[in-house]
Amino acid sequence: MVDYISTAVPISSQNLAKKIAKFETVSPATVRHELAALEKENLIIQPHTSAGRIPTAEGYRFYVDNFLDKDFVVKCQLPKFENKNNPRQNIKDLAKKIAEIADLAVLVSFGGDDNYYTGLSNLFSQKEFNEQARVIDISSLVEKFDSVVKNLFTRNYTEPKIEIGEEGFFGKNASFVSIKEKEILIGILGPLRMNYSKNYCLLKKLKDG
């Protein structure tokens, strides 16, 4: 899972066996058997017959629920609010920094139809959005953020919320990690293949100050 998140290269049974061999001897045939079992559970899929496997939305959910590193160290300095006369600009500057660190898009809502987003070029540069149809799909959803955010504002947040694929409002090919502090909502929008631990802890760092 971690390798695929960082490389976007489907994992083959042979390469996985080589990695496992550092700890114990396992044949590629045994690995293929285990991968087939995970496919039956719909946790991974093989996009092409000659390709390796990639996680499904259900696979990412299993990973987040069981292996999310909530102590992931985000080595960054979030900008301090320097413009005391313009707190909204402070939030926008903060969103730009988060988009830079996450290398994804960041959406901010000040409530109602008062919304802001940044880092869309980061989002569309992800390998998943090389296909024009997917770019159009996610673009249309971002444009509908004004209506989407109304649903997001109905909930209370005690810690960053992770929505994967169709769990959320941005379609089956996207994930959204968000927090709400008072009347401001900030969320990181990316493909299913995002660094969930990093983005969760980045927003938690923001919330905890």
Protein backbone atom coordinates (compact mmCIF):
# COMPACT_ATOMS: atom_id res chain seq x y z
CA MET A 1 0.00 0.00 0.00
CA VAL A 2 2.68 2.50 1.05
CA ASP A 3 4.79 1.71 -2.02
CA TYR A 4 1.87 2.25 -4.37
CA ILE A 5 0.90 5.52 -2.68
CA SER A 6 4.41 6.88 -3.24
CA THR A 7 5.05 5.50 -6.74
CA ALA A 8 1.63 4.96 -8.41
CA VAL A 9 3.15 1.80 -9.91
CA PRO A 10 0.97 -1.35 -9.58
CA ILE A 11 2.56 -3.89 -7.25
CA SER A 12 3.52 -7.20 -8.86
CA SER A 13 3.67 -10.47 -6.94
CA GLN A 14 7.31 -10.90 -7.93
CA ASN A 15 8.40 -7.52 -6.58
CA LEU A 16 6.34 -8.01 -3.45
CA ALA A 17 7.98 -11.42 -2.88
CA LYS A 18 11.41 -9.78 -3.16
CA LYS A 19 10.48 -7.24 -0.50
CA ILE A 20 9.12 -9.93 1.82
CA ALA A 21 12.27 -12.02 1.25
CA LYS A 22 14.18 -9.51 3.38
CA PHE A 23 12.30 -10.92 6.36
CA GLU A 24 11.28 -14.44 5.32
CA THR A 25 11.36 -16.73 2.30
CA VAL A 26 8.13 -16.58 0.32
CA SER A 27 7.63 -17.70 -3.26
CA PRO A 28 5.89 -15.52 -5.88
CA ALA A 29 3.26 -18.28 -6.16
CA THR A 30 2.38 -17.89 -2.46
CA VAL A 31 2.21 -14.12 -2.85
CA ARG A 32 -0.08 -14.50 -5.90
CA HIS A 33 -2.36 -16.73 -3.83
CA GLU A 34 -2.58 -14.11 -1.08
CA LEU A 35 -3.19 -11.34 -3.58
CA ALA A 36 -5.98 -13.38 -5.16
CA ALA A 37 -7.59 -13.68 -1.73
CA LEU A 38 -7.42 -9.89 -1.29
CA GLU A 39 -9.01 -9.49 -4.72
CA LYS A 40 -11.92 -11.67 -3.62
CA GLU A 41 -12.38 -9.31 -0.67
CA ASN A 42 -12.40 -6.40 -3.17
CA LEU A 43 -9.46 -4.78 -1.39
CA ILE A 44 -7.27 -4.76 -4.50
CA ILE A 45 -7.79 -5.08 -8.24
CA GLN A 46 -5.64 -5.91 -11.24
CA PRO A 47 -6.33 -3.09 -13.73
CA HIS A 48 -4.78 -5.04 -16.62
CA THR A 49 -4.04 -8.74 -17.02
CA SER A 50 -0.31 -8.10 -17.34
CA ALA A 51 -0.17 -5.48 -14.59
CA GLY A 52 0.29 -5.70 -10.86
CA ARG A 53 -2.42 -4.92 -8.31
CA ILE A 54 -3.64 -1.61 -6.99
CA PRO A 55 -5.86 -0.84 -3.96
CA THR A 56 -9.58 -0.27 -4.35
CA ALA A 57 -11.51 2.36 -2.40
CA GLU A 58 -12.39 -0.43 0.04
CA GLY A 59 -8.70 -1.28 0.30
CA TYR A 60 -7.82 2.29 1.17
CA ARG A 61 -10.61 2.36 3.76
CA PHE A 62 -9.24 -0.83 5.35
CA TYR A 63 -5.78 0.73 5.41
CA VAL A 64 -7.04 3.98 6.98
CA ASP A 65 -9.13 2.16 9.59
CA ASN A 66 -6.36 -0.23 10.60
CA PHE A 67 -2.97 1.23 9.74
CA LEU A 68 -3.29 5.02 9.62
CA ASP A 69 -0.27 6.55 11.32
CA LYS A 70 -1.78 9.29 13.46
CA ASP A 71 1.69 10.14 14.75
CA PHE A 72 3.11 10.80 11.29
CA VAL A 73 5.65 13.59 11.64
CA VAL A 74 4.84 16.43 9.25
CA LYS A 75 8.13 18.28 8.96
CA CYS A 76 6.89 21.73 8.09
CA GLN A 77 6.32 25.16 9.49
CA LEU A 78 2.83 26.47 8.92
CA PRO A 79 2.77 30.23 8.33
CA LYS A 80 1.92 32.48 11.22
CA PHE A 81 -0.94 34.90 10.88
CA GLU A 82 0.88 38.14 10.13
CA ASN A 83 -1.95 40.21 8.72
CA LYS A 84 -4.00 41.03 11.81
CA ASN A 85 -6.26 43.30 9.81
CA ASN A 86 -7.18 40.65 7.25
CA PRO A 87 -7.78 37.25 8.89
CA ARG A 88 -9.38 35.89 5.70
CA GLN A 89 -6.14 36.49 3.80
CA ASN A 90 -4.29 34.69 6.59
CA ILE A 91 -6.47 31.63 6.04
CA LYS A 92 -5.90 31.79 2.27
CA ASP A 93 -2.13 31.99 2.79
CA LEU A 94 -2.37 29.01 5.11
CA ALA A 95 -4.35 27.07 2.49
CA LYS A 96 -1.67 27.80 -0.12
CA LYS A 97 1.01 26.45 2.20
CA ILE A 98 -0.97 23.30 2.94
CA ALA A 99 -1.52 22.76 -0.79
CA GLU A 100 2.23 23.09 -1.30
CA ILE A 101 3.07 20.59 1.44
CA ALA A 102 0.40 18.05 0.46
CA ASP A 103 1.02 18.64 -3.28
CA LEU A 104 -2.74 18.52 -3.74
CA ALA A 105 -5.70 20.91 -3.90
CA VAL A 106 -7.02 22.63 -0.80
CA LEU A 107 -10.58 23.87 -0.48
CA VAL A 108 -11.63 26.45 2.11
CA SER A 109 -15.12 27.51 3.06
CA PHE A 110 -15.93 30.51 5.20
CA GLY A 111 -19.58 29.44 5.19
CA GLY A 112 -22.38 29.61 2.66
CA ASP A 113 -21.18 30.41 -0.83
CA ASP A 114 -18.02 32.12 0.41
CA ASN A 115 -15.42 29.61 -0.72
CA TYR A 116 -11.82 29.55 -1.92
CA TYR A 117 -9.62 26.90 -3.46
CA THR A 118 -5.96 26.63 -4.36
CA GLY A 119 -3.49 24.05 -5.64
CA LEU A 120 -5.67 22.72 -8.47
CA SER A 121 -2.59 22.38 -10.67
CA ASN A 122 -1.15 20.04 -8.03
CA LEU A 123 -4.28 17.92 -8.20
CA PHE A 124 -4.37 17.69 -11.98
CA SER A 125 -0.67 16.81 -12.15
CA GLN A 126 -1.32 13.54 -10.30
CA LYS A 127 -0.93 10.45 -12.48
CA GLU A 128 -4.54 9.42 -11.92
CA PHE A 129 -5.76 12.49 -13.76
CA ASN A 130 -3.76 11.97 -16.94
CA GLU A 131 -7.01 10.80 -18.48
CA GLN A 132 -9.07 13.73 -19.77
CA ALA A 133 -12.36 12.20 -18.62
CA ARG A 134 -11.15 12.08 -15.03
CA VAL A 135 -9.93 15.68 -15.18
CA ILE A 136 -13.33 16.79 -16.44
CA ASP A 137 -15.04 14.74 -13.74
CA ILE A 138 -13.07 16.20 -10.84
CA SER A 139 -13.17 19.73 -12.35
CA SER A 140 -16.96 19.67 -12.43
CA LEU A 141 -17.05 18.55 -8.80
CA VAL A 142 -14.72 21.33 -7.69
CA GLU A 143 -16.95 23.81 -9.49
CA LYS A 144 -19.87 22.43 -7.46
CA PHE A 145 -17.99 22.98 -4.21
CA ASP A 146 -20.49 25.68 -3.17
CA SER A 147 -23.27 23.09 -3.01
CA VAL A 148 -21.03 20.30 -1.68
CA VAL A 149 -19.78 22.37 1.23
CA LYS A 150 -23.32 22.86 2.54
CA ASN A 151 -23.44 19.13 3.27
CA LEU A 152 -20.00 19.22 4.87
CA PHE A 153 -21.03 22.03 7.20
CA THR A 154 -23.84 19.99 8.72
CA ARG A 155 -21.35 17.84 10.63
CA ASN A 156 -19.22 18.40 13.69
CA TYR A 157 -15.49 17.61 13.60
CA THR A 158 -13.44 16.56 16.59
CA GLU A 159 -10.50 15.46 14.42
CA PRO A 160 -9.73 15.39 10.68
CA LYS A 161 -12.31 13.44 8.71
CA ILE A 162 -11.25 11.14 5.86
CA GLU A 163 -13.72 10.43 3.07
CA ILE A 164 -12.67 7.96 0.39
CA GLY A 165 -14.30 7.73 -3.03
CA GLU A 166 -18.06 7.54 -2.94
CA GLU A 167 -18.11 7.95 0.86
CA GLY A 168 -17.83 11.67 0.19
CA PHE A 169 -19.10 14.21 -2.30
CA PHE A 170 -16.27 14.30 -4.84
CA GLY A 171 -16.87 11.09 -6.75
CA LYS A 172 -15.39 7.61 -6.85
CA ASN A 173 -11.92 8.74 -7.98
CA ALA A 174 -11.20 11.27 -5.22
CA SER A 175 -10.61 11.43 -1.49
CA PHE A 176 -11.11 14.38 0.85
CA VAL A 177 -9.50 14.99 4.25
CA SER A 178 -11.00 17.91 6.13
CA ILE A 179 -11.38 19.75 9.41
CA LYS A 180 -13.82 22.38 10.62
CA GLU A 181 -12.80 24.95 13.16
CA LYS A 182 -15.58 27.27 14.30
CA GLU A 183 -17.15 28.40 11.01
CA ILE A 184 -14.21 27.67 8.72
CA LEU A 185 -13.75 24.38 6.87
CA ILE A 186 -10.43 23.40 5.28
CA GLY A 187 -10.02 20.25 3.22
CA ILE A 188 -7.35 18.51 1.15
CA LEU A 189 -8.68 17.07 -2.11
CA GLY A 190 -6.73 14.41 -3.98
CA PRO A 191 -6.94 11.07 -5.75
CA LEU A 192 -7.66 7.83 -3.89
CA ARG A 193 -3.89 7.32 -3.88
CA MET A 194 -2.98 10.02 -1.39
CA ASN A 195 -0.76 9.99 1.67
CA TYR A 196 -3.56 9.70 4.22
CA SER A 197 -1.28 9.70 7.27
CA LYS A 198 0.52 12.83 6.14
CA ASN A 199 -2.64 14.74 5.24
CA TYR A 200 -4.46 13.65 8.39
CA CYS A 201 -1.58 14.78 10.60
CA LEU A 202 -1.09 18.00 8.63
CA LEU A 203 -4.66 19.07 9.33
CA LYS A 204 -4.50 17.83 12.91
CA LYS A 205 -1.39 19.95 13.42
CA LEU A 206 -3.34 22.89 12.06
CA LYS A 207 -6.31 22.21 14.36
CA ASP A 208 -4.18 21.68 17.45
CA GLY A 209 -2.20 24.83 16.76
